[in-house]
Amino acid sequence: MNWLEDAGMQRLEHYLDLVTFRQELISSNLANVDTPGYRTQDINFEAEMRRARMRMADAPVSPHVQEIKGLIERPDGNNVSLERETMALAQVQLQYRAGVELLRDELHTIQSAINEGK
C-alpha cells in the first residue's frame, strides 16, 4: 500500500464520487423540470457514505437511486421542485469544495513528509 491508497484517501475518493454522482442526479432533475411524468430522483447521501465504508476499497461507487416521495405533483405528473433542486445543488457544491479542501490538506501532509526527508 502506498501513501495515496490509505484509508483516509479512499474515504475522500468515495466521498467525492458520491457528491459528483448526486450532482449529476440533481442536474438531471433540473433538466427534466418540464418533462411530463418525470419523477425526482436522489440518493440518501449519509446512507451511501456508510455503505461506501463497508465496501471493498476498489469497488466502484454504485449508489441506490430512489424516487423522492412527498413532493407536489403537477397535473402532468412531474414532481420536480426547482427550489428543492437549487438548494440541493448548492449543498453538493459546498460538499464538493469541502472534499477538495480535505484532499488538498492530505496531499500537503504527504508533500511535507516527503520534503522533511530531504
PDB file of N, CA and C in Angstrom:
ATOM      1  N   MET A   1       0.853  -1.175   0.000  1.00  0.00           N
ATOM      2  CA  MET A   1       0.000   0.000   0.000  1.00  0.00           C
ATOM      3  C   MET A   1       0.902   1.243   0.000  1.00  0.00           C
ATOM      4  N   ASN A   2       0.592   2.184  -0.882  1.00  0.00           N
ATOM      5  CA  ASN A   2       1.358   3.418  -0.869  1.00  0.00           C
ATOM      6  C   ASN A   2       0.574   4.510  -0.154  1.00  0.00           C
ATOM      7  N   TRP A   3       1.169   5.665  -0.011  1.00  0.00           N
ATOM      8  CA  TRP A   3       0.565   6.758   0.758  1.00  0.00           C
ATOM      9  C   TRP A   3      -0.720   7.274   0.137  1.00  0.00           C
ATOM     10  N   LEU A   4      -0.852   7.121  -1.156  1.00  0.00           N
ATOM     11  CA  LEU A   4      -2.044   7.629  -1.824  1.00  0.00           C
ATOM     12  C   LEU A   4      -3.204   6.638  -1.778  1.00  0.00           C
ATOM     13  N   GLU A   5      -2.976   5.473  -1.202  1.00  0.00           N
ATOM     14  CA  GLU A   5      -4.027   4.462  -1.121  1.00  0.00           C
ATOM     15  C   GLU A   5      -4.399   4.130   0.312  1.00  0.00           C
ATOM     16  N   ASP A   6      -4.176   5.047   1.236  1.00  0.00           N
ATOM     17  CA  ASP A   6      -4.532   4.766   2.621  1.00  0.00           C
ATOM     18  C   ASP A   6      -6.038   4.937   2.816  1.00  0.00           C
ATOM     19  N   ALA A   7      -6.518   4.558   3.973  1.00  0.00           N
ATOM     20  CA  ALA A   7      -7.961   4.574   4.249  1.00  0.00           C
ATOM     21  C   ALA A   7      -8.560   5.972   4.150  1.00  0.00           C
ATOM     22  N   GLY A   8      -7.835   6.967   4.618  1.00  0.00           N
ATOM     23  CA  GLY A   8      -8.340   8.340   4.561  1.00  0.00           C
ATOM     24  C   GLY A   8      -8.519   8.819   3.134  1.00  0.00           C
ATOM     25  N   MET A   9      -7.569   8.530   2.284  1.00  0.00           N
ATOM     26  CA  MET A   9      -7.665   8.923   0.876  1.00  0.00           C
ATOM     27  C   MET A   9      -8.797   8.166   0.180  1.00  0.00           C
ATOM     28  N   GLN A  10      -8.984   6.903   0.530  1.00  0.00           N
ATOM     29  CA  GLN A  10     -10.078   6.127  -0.068  1.00  0.00           C
ATOM     30  C   GLN A  10     -11.431   6.687   0.359  1.00  0.00           C
ATOM     31  N   ARG A  11     -11.557   7.079   1.618  1.00  0.00           N
ATOM     32  CA  ARG A  11     -12.810   7.691   2.077  1.00  0.00           C
ATOM     33  C   ARG A  11     -13.085   8.994   1.334  1.00  0.00           C
ATOM     34  N   LEU A  12     -12.043   9.797   1.146  1.00  0.00           N
ATOM     35  CA  LEU A  12     -12.205  11.044   0.402  1.00  0.00           C
ATOM     36  C   LEU A  12     -12.607  10.769  -1.051  1.00  0.00           C
ATOM     37  N   GLU A  13     -12.015   9.742  -1.634  1.00  0.00           N
ATOM     38  CA  GLU A  13     -12.364   9.380  -3.009  1.00  0.00           C
ATOM     39  C   GLU A  13     -13.833   8.971  -3.105  1.00  0.00           C
ATOM     40  N   HIS A  14     -14.288   8.127  -2.189  1.00  0.00           N
ATOM     41  CA  HIS A  14     -15.694   7.709  -2.180  1.00  0.00           C
ATOM     42  C   HIS A  14     -16.611   8.905  -1.933  1.00  0.00           C
ATOM     43  N   TYR A  15     -16.212   9.767  -1.023  1.00  0.00           N
ATOM     44  CA  TYR A  15     -17.000  10.969  -0.719  1.00  0.00           C
ATOM     45  C   TYR A  15     -17.173  11.819  -1.979  1.00  0.00           C
ATOM     46  N   LEU A  16     -16.071  12.099  -2.660  1.00  0.00           N
ATOM     47  CA  LEU A  16     -16.139  12.928  -3.864  1.00  0.00           C
ATOM     48  C   LEU A  16     -16.911  12.227  -4.979  1.00  0.00           C
ATOM     49  N   ASP A  17     -16.772  10.909  -5.087  1.00  0.00           N
ATOM     50  CA  ASP A  17     -17.553  10.161  -6.083  1.00  0.00           C
ATOM     51  C   ASP A  17     -19.052  10.294  -5.811  1.00  0.00           C
ATOM     52  N   LEU A  18     -19.443  10.177  -4.546  1.00  0.00           N
ATOM     53  CA  LEU A  18     -20.862  10.297  -4.197  1.00  0.00           C
ATOM     54  C   LEU A  18     -21.394  11.705  -4.419  1.00  0.00           C
ATOM     55  N   VAL A  19     -20.598  12.701  -4.060  1.00  0.00           N
ATOM     56  CA  VAL A  19     -21.015  14.085  -4.282  1.00  0.00           C
ATOM     57  C   VAL A  19     -21.205  14.337  -5.771  1.00  0.00           C
ATOM     58  N   THR A  20     -20.279  13.851  -6.582  1.00  0.00           N
ATOM     59  CA  THR A  20     -20.366  14.018  -8.031  1.00  0.00           C
ATOM     60  C   THR A  20     -21.585  13.294  -8.585  1.00  0.00           C
ATOM     61  N   PHE A  21     -21.828  12.080  -8.108  1.00  0.00           N
ATOM     62  CA  PHE A  21     -22.987  11.311  -8.561  1.00  0.00           C
ATOM     63  C   PHE A  21     -24.281  12.048  -8.215  1.00  0.00           C
ATOM     64  N   ARG A  22     -24.357  12.572  -7.002  1.00  0.00           N
ATOM     65  CA  ARG A  22     -25.567  13.293  -6.579  1.00  0.00           C
ATOM     66  C   ARG A  22     -25.746  14.565  -7.401  1.00  0.00           C
ATOM     67  N   GLN A  23     -24.656  15.244  -7.710  1.00  0.00           N
ATOM     68  CA  GLN A  23     -24.737  16.453  -8.528  1.00  0.00           C
ATOM     69  C   GLN A  23     -25.297  16.117  -9.911  1.00  0.00           C
ATOM     70  N   GLU A  24     -24.901  14.976 -10.462  1.00  0.00           N
ATOM     71  CA  GLU A  24     -25.423  14.554 -11.765  1.00  0.00           C
ATOM     72  C   GLU A  24     -26.922  14.265 -11.688  1.00  0.00           C
ATOM     73  N   LEU A  25     -27.366  13.650 -10.594  1.00  0.00           N
ATOM     74  CA  LEU A  25     -28.798  13.393 -10.417  1.00  0.00           C
ATOM     75  C   LEU A  25     -29.587  14.700 -10.329  1.00  0.00           C
ATOM     76  N   ILE A  26     -29.065  15.641  -9.567  1.00  0.00           N
ATOM     77  CA  ILE A  26     -29.744  16.928  -9.417  1.00  0.00           C
ATOM     78  C   ILE A  26     -29.803  17.650 -10.760  1.00  0.00           C
ATOM     79  N   SER A  27     -28.714  17.609 -11.506  1.00  0.00           N
ATOM     80  CA  SER A  27     -28.696  18.227 -12.835  1.00  0.00           C
ATOM     81  C   SER A  27     -29.721  17.581 -13.750  1.00  0.00           C
ATOM     82  N   SER A  28     -29.857  16.272 -13.654  1.00  0.00           N
ATOM     83  CA  SER A  28     -30.859  15.560 -14.453  1.00  0.00           C
ATOM     84  C   SER A  28     -32.264  15.982 -14.053  1.00  0.00           C
ATOM     85  N   ASN A  29     -32.488  16.114 -12.739  1.00  0.00           N
ATOM     86  CA  ASN A  29     -33.793  16.581 -12.270  1.00  0.00           C
ATOM     87  C   ASN A  29     -34.104  17.961 -12.835  1.00  0.00           C
ATOM     88  N   LEU A  30     -33.128  18.858 -12.778  1.00  0.00           N
ATOM     89  CA  LEU A  30     -33.331  20.210 -13.289  1.00  0.00           C
ATOM     90  C   LEU A  30     -33.567  20.213 -14.797  1.00  0.00           C
ATOM     91  N   ALA A  31     -32.853  19.361 -15.504  1.00  0.00           N
ATOM     92  CA  ALA A  31     -33.018  19.287 -16.959  1.00  0.00           C
ATOM     93  C   ALA A  31     -34.402  18.773 -17.342  1.00  0.00           C
ATOM     94  N   ASN A  32     -35.031  18.021 -16.440  1.00  0.00           N
ATOM     95  CA  ASN A  32     -36.339  17.436 -16.719  1.00  0.00           C
ATOM     96  C   ASN A  32     -37.480  18.155 -16.009  1.00  0.00           C
ATOM     97  N   VAL A  33     -37.265  19.391 -15.615  1.00  0.00           N
ATOM     98  CA  VAL A  33     -38.282  20.134 -14.875  1.00  0.00           C
ATOM     99  C   VAL A  33     -39.579  20.275 -15.671  1.00  0.00           C
ATOM    100  N   ASP A  34     -39.506  20.254 -16.994  1.00  0.00           N
ATOM    101  CA  ASP A  34     -40.709  20.391 -17.818  1.00  0.00           C
ATOM    102  C   ASP A  34     -41.098  19.103 -18.540  1.00  0.00           C
ATOM    103  N   THR A  35     -40.486  17.990 -18.169  1.00  0.00           N
ATOM    104  CA  THR A  35     -40.794  16.707 -18.802  1.00  0.00           C
ATOM    105  C   THR A  35     -42.008  16.073 -18.130  1.00  0.00           C
ATOM    106  N   PRO A  36     -43.101  15.899 -18.877  1.00  0.00           N
ATOM    107  CA  PRO A  36     -44.300  15.285 -18.279  1.00  0.00           C
ATOM    108  C   PRO A  36     -43.984  13.892 -17.722  1.00  0.00           C
ATOM    109  N   GLY A  37     -44.458  13.645 -16.506  1.00  0.00           N
ATOM    110  CA  GLY A  37     -44.301  12.334 -15.881  1.00  0.00           C
ATOM    111  C   GLY A  37     -42.957  12.092 -15.216  1.00  0.00           C
ATOM    112  N   TYR A  38     -42.034  13.018 -15.333  1.00  0.00           N
ATOM    113  CA  TYR A  38     -40.712  12.818 -14.724  1.00  0.00           C
ATOM    114  C   TYR A  38     -40.826  12.883 -13.207  1.00  0.00           C
ATOM    115  N   ARG A  39     -40.140  11.958 -12.543  1.00  0.00           N
ATOM    116  CA  ARG A  39     -40.151  11.872 -11.080  1.00  0.00           C
ATOM    117  C   ARG A  39     -38.759  12.223 -10.552  1.00  0.00           C
ATOM    118  N   THR A  40     -38.708  13.053  -9.527  1.00  0.00           N
ATOM    119  CA  THR A  40     -37.450  13.484  -8.916  1.00  0.00           C
ATOM    120  C   THR A  40     -36.710  12.288  -8.328  1.00  0.00           C
ATOM    121  N   GLN A  41     -35.394  12.227  -8.605  1.00  0.00           N
ATOM    122  CA  GLN A  41     -34.544  11.157  -8.094  1.00  0.00           C
ATOM    123  C   GLN A  41     -33.424  11.744  -7.251  1.00  0.00           C
ATOM    124  N   ASP A  42     -32.992  10.979  -6.266  1.00  0.00           N
ATOM    125  CA  ASP A  42     -31.897  11.406  -5.402  1.00  0.00           C
ATOM    126  C   ASP A  42     -31.332  10.173  -4.709  1.00  0.00           C
ATOM    127  N   ILE A  43     -30.300  10.389  -3.915  1.00  0.00           N
ATOM    128  CA  ILE A  43     -29.736   9.325  -3.086  1.00  0.00           C
ATOM    129  C   ILE A  43     -29.781   9.786  -1.636  1.00  0.00           C
ATOM    130  N   ASN A  44     -29.724   8.830  -0.721  1.00  0.00           N
ATOM    131  CA  ASN A  44     -29.569   9.136   0.696  1.00  0.00           C
ATOM    132  C   ASN A  44     -28.065   9.206   0.937  1.00  0.00           C
ATOM    133  N   PHE A  45     -27.539  10.428   0.945  1.00  0.00           N
ATOM    134  CA  PHE A  45     -26.090  10.632   0.977  1.00  0.00           C
ATOM    135  C   PHE A  45     -25.436   9.969   2.189  1.00  0.00           C
ATOM    136  N   GLU A  46     -26.003  10.156   3.358  1.00  0.00           N
ATOM    137  CA  GLU A  46     -25.408   9.597   4.572  1.00  0.00           C
ATOM    138  C   GLU A  46     -25.394   8.069   4.536  1.00  0.00           C
ATOM    139  N   ALA A  47     -26.499   7.476   4.097  1.00  0.00           N
ATOM    140  CA  ALA A  47     -26.561   6.010   3.998  1.00  0.00           C
ATOM    141  C   ALA A  47     -25.551   5.495   2.980  1.00  0.00           C
ATOM    142  N   GLU A  48     -25.388   6.214   1.889  1.00  0.00           N
ATOM    143  CA  GLU A  48     -24.435   5.793   0.862  1.00  0.00           C
ATOM    144  C   GLU A  48     -22.995   5.911   1.354  1.00  0.00           C
ATOM    145  N   MET A  49     -22.714   6.909   2.187  1.00  0.00           N
ATOM    146  CA  MET A  49     -21.373   7.012   2.773  1.00  0.00           C
ATOM    147  C   MET A  49     -21.108   5.837   3.706  1.00  0.00           C
ATOM    148  N   ARG A  50     -22.132   5.435   4.476  1.00  0.00           N
ATOM    149  CA  ARG A  50     -21.963   4.261   5.346  1.00  0.00           C
ATOM    150  C   ARG A  50     -21.708   3.013   4.505  1.00  0.00           C
ATOM    151  N   ARG A  51     -22.458   2.867   3.411  1.00  0.00           N
ATOM    152  CA  ARG A  51     -22.244   1.721   2.521  1.00  0.00           C
ATOM    153  C   ARG A  51     -20.849   1.748   1.911  1.00  0.00           C
ATOM    154  N   ALA A  52     -20.375   2.929   1.553  1.00  0.00           N
ATOM    155  CA  ALA A  52     -19.044   3.066   0.947  1.00  0.00           C
ATOM    156  C   ALA A  52     -17.952   2.625   1.914  1.00  0.00           C
ATOM    157  N   ARG A  53     -18.139   2.905   3.204  1.00  0.00           N
ATOM    158  CA  ARG A  53     -17.140   2.493   4.193  1.00  0.00           C
ATOM    159  C   ARG A  53     -17.060   0.978   4.314  1.00  0.00           C
ATOM    160  N   MET A  54     -18.176   0.286   4.082  1.00  0.00           N
ATOM    161  CA  MET A  54     -18.207  -1.172   4.217  1.00  0.00           C
ATOM    162  C   MET A  54     -17.798  -1.891   2.932  1.00  0.00           C
ATOM    163  N   ARG A  55     -17.759  -1.159   1.844  1.00  0.00           N
ATOM    164  CA  ARG A  55     -17.458  -1.739   0.538  1.00  0.00           C
ATOM    165  C   ARG A  55     -15.955  -1.961   0.399  1.00  0.00           C
ATOM    166  N   MET A  56     -15.588  -2.856  -0.499  1.00  0.00           N
ATOM    167  CA  MET A  56     -14.181  -3.093  -0.814  1.00  0.00           C
ATOM    168  C   MET A  56     -13.575  -1.805  -1.355  1.00  0.00           C
ATOM    169  N   ALA A  57     -12.302  -1.588  -1.105  1.00  0.00           N
ATOM    170  CA  ALA A  57     -11.632  -0.345  -1.475  1.00  0.00           C
ATOM    171  C   ALA A  57     -11.701  -0.053  -2.970  1.00  0.00           C
ATOM    172  N   ASP A  58     -11.546  -1.061  -3.798  1.00  0.00           N
ATOM    173  CA  ASP A  58     -11.512  -0.823  -5.240  1.00  0.00           C
ATOM    174  C   ASP A  58     -12.870  -1.021  -5.920  1.00  0.00           C
ATOM    175  N   ALA A  59     -13.920  -1.243  -5.149  1.00  0.00           N
ATOM    176  CA  ALA A  59     -15.257  -1.421  -5.719  1.00  0.00           C
ATOM    177  C   ALA A  59     -15.789  -0.083  -6.217  1.00  0.00           C
ATOM    178  N   PRO A  60     -16.425  -0.077  -7.370  1.00  0.00           N
ATOM    179  CA  PRO A  60     -16.948   1.191  -7.891  1.00  0.00           C
ATOM    180  C   PRO A  60     -18.141   1.685  -7.068  1.00  0.00           C
ATOM    181  N   VAL A  61     -18.350   2.977  -7.130  1.00  0.00           N
ATOM    182  CA  VAL A  61     -19.495   3.582  -6.439  1.00  0.00           C
ATOM    183  C   VAL A  61     -20.741   3.286  -7.252  1.00  0.00           C
ATOM    184  N   SER A  62     -21.712   2.651  -6.629  1.00  0.00           N
ATOM    185  CA  SER A  62     -22.987   2.364  -7.298  1.00  0.00           C
ATOM    186  C   SER A  62     -24.124   2.646  -6.318  1.00  0.00           C
ATOM    187  N   PRO A  63     -24.397   3.918  -6.101  1.00  0.00           N
ATOM    188  CA  PRO A  63     -25.412   4.303  -5.118  1.00  0.00           C
ATOM    189  C   PRO A  63     -26.815   3.860  -5.515  1.00  0.00           C
ATOM    190  N   HIS A  64     -27.634   3.682  -4.500  1.00  0.00           N
ATOM    191  CA  HIS A  64     -29.033   3.314  -4.698  1.00  0.00           C
ATOM    192  C   HIS A  64     -29.828   4.587  -4.969  1.00  0.00           C
ATOM    193  N   VAL A  65     -30.302   4.726  -6.193  1.00  0.00           N
ATOM    194  CA  VAL A  65     -31.096   5.892  -6.583  1.00  0.00           C
ATOM    195  C   VAL A  65     -32.545   5.611  -6.231  1.00  0.00           C
ATOM    196  N   GLN A  66     -33.183   6.618  -5.652  1.00  0.00           N
ATOM    197  CA  GLN A  66     -34.578   6.441  -5.255  1.00  0.00           C
ATOM    198  C   GLN A  66     -35.413   7.641  -5.689  1.00  0.00           C
ATOM    199  N   GLU A  67     -36.667   7.369  -5.932  1.00  0.00           N
ATOM    200  CA  GLU A  67     -37.603   8.447  -6.242  1.00  0.00           C
ATOM    201  C   GLU A  67     -37.946   9.152  -4.943  1.00  0.00           C
ATOM    202  N   ILE A  68     -37.990  10.467  -4.993  1.00  0.00           N
ATOM    203  CA  ILE A  68     -38.312  11.256  -3.800  1.00  0.00           C
ATOM    204  C   ILE A  68     -39.827  11.355  -3.668  1.00  0.00           C
ATOM    205  N   LYS A  69     -40.327  10.857  -2.572  1.00  0.00           N
ATOM    206  CA  LYS A  69     -41.769  10.872  -2.299  1.00  0.00           C
ATOM    207  C   LYS A  69     -42.155  12.156  -1.574  1.00  0.00           C
ATOM    208  N   GLY A  70     -43.419  12.494  -1.647  1.00  0.00           N
ATOM    209  CA  GLY A  70     -43.953  13.609  -0.889  1.00  0.00           C
ATOM    210  C   GLY A  70     -43.819  14.971  -1.548  1.00  0.00           C
ATOM    211  N   LEU A  71     -43.310  15.016  -2.767  1.00  0.00           N
ATOM    212  CA  LEU A  71     -43.207  16.291  -3.464  1.00  0.00           C
ATOM    213  C   LEU A  71     -44.525  16.596  -4.174  1.00  0.00           C
ATOM    214  N   ILE A  72     -44.801  17.857  -4.350  1.00  0.00           N
ATOM    215  CA  ILE A  72     -46.039  18.257  -5.020  1.00  0.00           C
ATOM    216  C   ILE A  72     -45.954  17.882  -6.495  1.00  0.00           C
ATOM    217  N   GLU A  73     -46.959  17.174  -6.948  1.00  0.00           N
ATOM    218  CA  GLU A  73     -47.010  16.722  -8.342  1.00  0.00           C
ATOM    219  C   GLU A  73     -47.895  17.661  -9.152  1.00  0.00           C
ATOM    220  N   ARG A  74     -47.386  18.053 -10.305  1.00  0.00           N
ATOM    221  CA  ARG A  74     -48.176  18.893 -11.206  1.00  0.00           C
ATOM    222  C   ARG A  74     -49.163  18.018 -11.977  1.00  0.00           C
ATOM    223  N   PRO A  75     -50.140  18.618 -12.645  1.00  0.00           N
ATOM    224  CA  PRO A  75     -51.125  17.831 -13.402  1.00  0.00           C
ATOM    225  C   PRO A  75     -50.502  16.923 -14.472  1.00  0.00           C
ATOM    226  N   ASP A  76     -49.318  17.278 -14.980  1.00  0.00           N
ATOM    227  CA  ASP A  76     -48.671  16.440 -15.999  1.00  0.00           C
ATOM    228  C   ASP A  76     -47.886  15.278 -15.398  1.00  0.00           C
ATOM    229  N   GLY A  77     -47.915  15.135 -14.058  1.00  0.00           N
ATOM    230  CA  GLY A  77     -47.247  14.023 -13.391  1.00  0.00           C
ATOM    231  C   GLY A  77     -45.821  14.314 -12.965  1.00  0.00           C
ATOM    232  N   ASN A  78     -45.278  15.449 -13.336  1.00  0.00           N
ATOM    233  CA  ASN A  78     -43.916  15.830 -12.972  1.00  0.00           C
ATOM    234  C   ASN A  78     -43.926  16.359 -11.534  1.00  0.00           C
ATOM    235  N   ASN A  79     -42.906  15.967 -10.737  1.00  0.00           N
ATOM    236  CA  ASN A  79     -42.859  16.449  -9.355  1.00  0.00           C
ATOM    237  C   ASN A  79     -41.549  17.157  -9.016  1.00  0.00           C
ATOM    238  N   VAL A  80     -40.828  17.640 -10.030  1.00  0.00           N
ATOM    239  CA  VAL A  80     -39.566  18.334  -9.794  1.00  0.00           C
ATOM    240  C   VAL A  80     -39.844  19.708  -9.192  1.00  0.00           C
ATOM    241  N   SER A  81     -39.210  19.986  -8.075  1.00  0.00           N
ATOM    242  CA  SER A  81     -39.324  21.282  -7.414  1.00  0.00           C
ATOM    243  C   SER A  81     -38.046  22.058  -7.684  1.00  0.00           C
ATOM    244  N   LEU A  82     -38.161  23.152  -8.403  1.00  0.00           N
ATOM    245  CA  LEU A  82     -36.999  23.973  -8.730  1.00  0.00           C
ATOM    246  C   LEU A  82     -36.300  24.459  -7.459  1.00  0.00           C
ATOM    247  N   GLU A  83     -37.071  24.809  -6.444  1.00  0.00           N
ATOM    248  CA  GLU A  83     -36.495  25.283  -5.189  1.00  0.00           C
ATOM    249  C   GLU A  83     -35.689  24.179  -4.492  1.00  0.00           C
ATOM    250  N   ARG A  84     -36.269  22.975  -4.423  1.00  0.00           N
ATOM    251  CA  ARG A  84     -35.574  21.853  -3.782  1.00  0.00           C
ATOM    252  C   ARG A  84     -34.273  21.543  -4.509  1.00  0.00           C
ATOM    253  N   GLU A  85     -34.322  21.527  -5.826  1.00  0.00           N
ATOM    254  CA  GLU A  85     -33.147  21.152  -6.617  1.00  0.00           C
ATOM    255  C   GLU A  85     -32.052  22.213  -6.548  1.00  0.00           C
ATOM    256  N   THR A  86     -32.418  23.482  -6.539  1.00  0.00           N
ATOM    257  CA  THR A  86     -31.375  24.517  -6.441  1.00  0.00           C
ATOM    258  C   THR A  86     -30.735  24.504  -5.057  1.00  0.00           C
ATOM    259  N   MET A  87     -31.515  24.222  -4.020  1.00  0.00           N
ATOM    260  CA  MET A  87     -30.940  24.096  -2.672  1.00  0.00           C
ATOM    261  C   MET A  87     -30.013  22.880  -2.597  1.00  0.00           C
ATOM    262  N   ALA A  88     -30.439  21.769  -3.179  1.00  0.00           N
ATOM    263  CA  ALA A  88     -29.609  20.564  -3.181  1.00  0.00           C
ATOM    264  C   ALA A  88     -28.328  20.793  -3.983  1.00  0.00           C
ATOM    265  N   LEU A  89     -28.429  21.525  -5.073  1.00  0.00           N
ATOM    266  CA  LEU A  89     -27.254  21.825  -5.884  1.00  0.00           C
ATOM    267  C   LEU A  89     -26.269  22.691  -5.101  1.00  0.00           C
ATOM    268  N   ALA A  90     -26.762  23.672  -4.377  1.00  0.00           N
ATOM    269  CA  ALA A  90     -25.892  24.492  -3.536  1.00  0.00           C
ATOM    270  C   ALA A  90     -25.215  23.639  -2.463  1.00  0.00           C
ATOM    271  N   GLN A  91     -25.963  22.697  -1.902  1.00  0.00           N
ATOM    272  CA  GLN A  91     -25.408  21.815  -0.874  1.00  0.00           C
ATOM    273  C   GLN A  91     -24.277  20.954  -1.442  1.00  0.00           C
ATOM    274  N   VAL A  92     -24.478  20.356  -2.609  1.00  0.00           N
ATOM    275  CA  VAL A  92     -23.421  19.497  -3.163  1.00  0.00           C
ATOM    276  C   VAL A  92     -22.211  20.312  -3.593  1.00  0.00           C
ATOM    277  N   GLN A  93     -22.418  21.556  -3.994  1.00  0.00           N
ATOM    278  CA  GLN A  93     -21.270  22.399  -4.331  1.00  0.00           C
ATOM    279  C   GLN A  93     -20.421  22.656  -3.091  1.00  0.00           C
ATOM    280  N   LEU A  94     -21.073  22.912  -1.963  1.00  0.00           N
ATOM    281  CA  LEU A  94     -20.336  23.098  -0.709  1.00  0.00           C
ATOM    282  C   LEU A  94     -19.649  21.803  -0.271  1.00  0.00           C
ATOM    283  N   GLN A  95     -20.341  20.682  -0.414  1.00  0.00           N
ATOM    284  CA  GLN A  95     -19.752  19.393  -0.060  1.00  0.00           C
ATOM    285  C   GLN A  95     -18.535  19.092  -0.928  1.00  0.00           C
ATOM    286  N   TYR A  96     -18.629  19.394  -2.205  1.00  0.00           N
ATOM    287  CA  TYR A  96     -17.511  19.141  -3.105  1.00  0.00           C
ATOM    288  C   TYR A  96     -16.311  20.004  -2.728  1.00  0.00           C
ATOM    289  N   ARG A  97     -16.568  21.284  -2.467  1.00  0.00           N
ATOM    290  CA  ARG A  97     -15.477  22.177  -2.042  1.00  0.00           C
ATOM    291  C   ARG A  97     -14.804  21.667  -0.784  1.00  0.00           C
ATOM    292  N   ALA A  98     -15.612  21.223   0.180  1.00  0.00           N
ATOM    293  CA  ALA A  98     -15.058  20.701   1.429  1.00  0.00           C
ATOM    294  C   ALA A  98     -14.200  19.467   1.159  1.00  0.00           C
ATOM    295  N   GLY A  99     -14.682  18.579   0.298  1.00  0.00           N
ATOM    296  CA  GLY A  99     -13.925  17.380  -0.036  1.00  0.00           C
ATOM    297  C   GLY A  99     -12.613  17.705  -0.723  1.00  0.00           C
ATOM    298  N   VAL A 100     -12.630  18.665  -1.623  1.00  0.00           N
ATOM    299  CA  VAL A 100     -11.405  19.070  -2.312  1.00  0.00           C
ATOM    300  C   VAL A 100     -10.416  19.688  -1.329  1.00  0.00           C
ATOM    301  N   GLU A 101     -10.911  20.485  -0.395  1.00  0.00           N
ATOM    302  CA  GLU A 101     -10.024  21.075   0.616  1.00  0.00           C
ATOM    303  C   GLU A 101      -9.402  19.995   1.497  1.00  0.00           C
ATOM    304  N   LEU A 102     -10.195  19.003   1.879  1.00  0.00           N
ATOM    305  CA  LEU A 102      -9.645  17.899   2.683  1.00  0.00           C
ATOM    306  C   LEU A 102      -8.599  17.125   1.886  1.00  0.00           C
ATOM    307  N   LEU A 103      -8.857  16.902   0.618  1.00  0.00           N
ATOM    308  CA  LEU A 103      -7.899  16.211  -0.244  1.00  0.00           C
ATOM    309  C   LEU A 103      -6.623  17.037  -0.370  1.00  0.00           C
ATOM    310  N   ARG A 104      -6.769  18.333  -0.557  1.00  0.00           N
ATOM    311  CA  ARG A 104      -5.605  19.220  -0.647  1.00  0.00           C
ATOM    312  C   ARG A 104      -4.780  19.141   0.637  1.00  0.00           C
ATOM    313  N   ASP A 105      -5.453  19.117   1.793  1.00  0.00           N
ATOM    314  CA  ASP A 105      -4.737  19.010   3.063  1.00  0.00           C
ATOM    315  C   ASP A 105      -3.975  17.691   3.169  1.00  0.00           C
ATOM    316  N   GLU A 106      -4.608  16.601   2.743  1.00  0.00           N
ATOM    317  CA  GLU A 106      -3.944  15.286   2.767  1.00  0.00           C
ATOM    318  C   GLU A 106      -2.699  15.294   1.890  1.00  0.00           C
ATOM    319  N   LEU A 107      -2.827  15.852   0.688  1.00  0.00           N
ATOM    320  CA  LEU A 107      -1.686  15.897  -0.230  1.00  0.00           C
ATOM    321  C   LEU A 107      -0.590  16.817   0.301  1.00  0.00           C
ATOM    322  N   HIS A 108      -0.981  17.889   0.959  1.00  0.00           N
ATOM    323  CA  HIS A 108       0.003  18.791   1.559  1.00  0.00           C
ATOM    324  C   HIS A 108       0.765  18.070   2.675  1.00  0.00           C
ATOM    325  N   THR A 109       0.066  17.262   3.458  1.00  0.00           N
ATOM    326  CA  THR A 109       0.713  16.492   4.516  1.00  0.00           C
ATOM    327  C   THR A 109       1.735  15.525   3.928  1.00  0.00           C
ATOM    328  N   ILE A 110       1.345  14.855   2.849  1.00  0.00           N
ATOM    329  CA  ILE A 110       2.265  13.918   2.189  1.00  0.00           C
ATOM    330  C   ILE A 110       3.469  14.667   1.630  1.00  0.00           C
ATOM    331  N   GLN A 111       3.216  15.804   0.993  1.00  0.00           N
ATOM    332  CA  GLN A 111       4.305  16.600   0.440  1.00  0.00           C
ATOM    333  C   GLN A 111       5.254  17.063   1.542  1.00  0.00           C
ATOM    334  N   SER A 112       4.711  17.468   2.668  1.00  0.00           N
ATOM    335  CA  SER A 112       5.551  17.897   3.801  1.00  0.00           C
ATOM    336  C   SER A 112       6.407  16.743   4.300  1.00  0.00           C
ATOM    337  N   ALA A 113       5.838  15.563   4.375  1.00  0.00           N
ATOM    338  CA  ALA A 113       6.602  14.387   4.814  1.00  0.00           C
ATOM    339  C   ALA A 113       7.733  14.082   3.842  1.00  0.00           C
ATOM    340  N   ILE A 114       7.466  14.225   2.566  1.00  0.00           N
ATOM    341  CA  ILE A 114       8.496  13.979   1.556  1.00  0.00           C
ATOM    342  C   ILE A 114       9.599  15.018   1.673  1.00  0.00           C
ATOM    343  N   ASN A 115       9.223  16.279   1.822  1.00  0.00           N
ATOM    344  CA  ASN A 115      10.220  17.358   1.900  1.00  0.00           C
ATOM    345  C   ASN A 115      11.033  17.307   3.175  1.00  0.00           C
ATOM    346  N   GLU A 116      10.456  16.779   4.254  1.00  0.00           N
ATOM    347  CA  GLU A 116      11.200  16.653   5.502  1.00  0.00           C
ATOM    348  C   GLU A 116      12.311  15.612   5.362  1.00  0.00           C
ATOM    349  N   GLY A 117      12.149  14.673   4.471  1.00  0.00           N
ATOM    350  CA  GLY A 117      13.149  13.621   4.282  1.00  0.00           C
ATOM    351  C   GLY A 117      14.357  14.061   3.475  1.00  0.00           C
ATOM    352  N   LYS A 118      14.325  15.264   2.945  1.00  0.00           N
ATOM    353  CA  LYS A 118      15.459  15.738   2.116  1.00  0.00           C
ATOM    354  C   LYS A 118      16.534  16.361   2.945  1.00  0.00           C
TER     355      LYS A 118
END
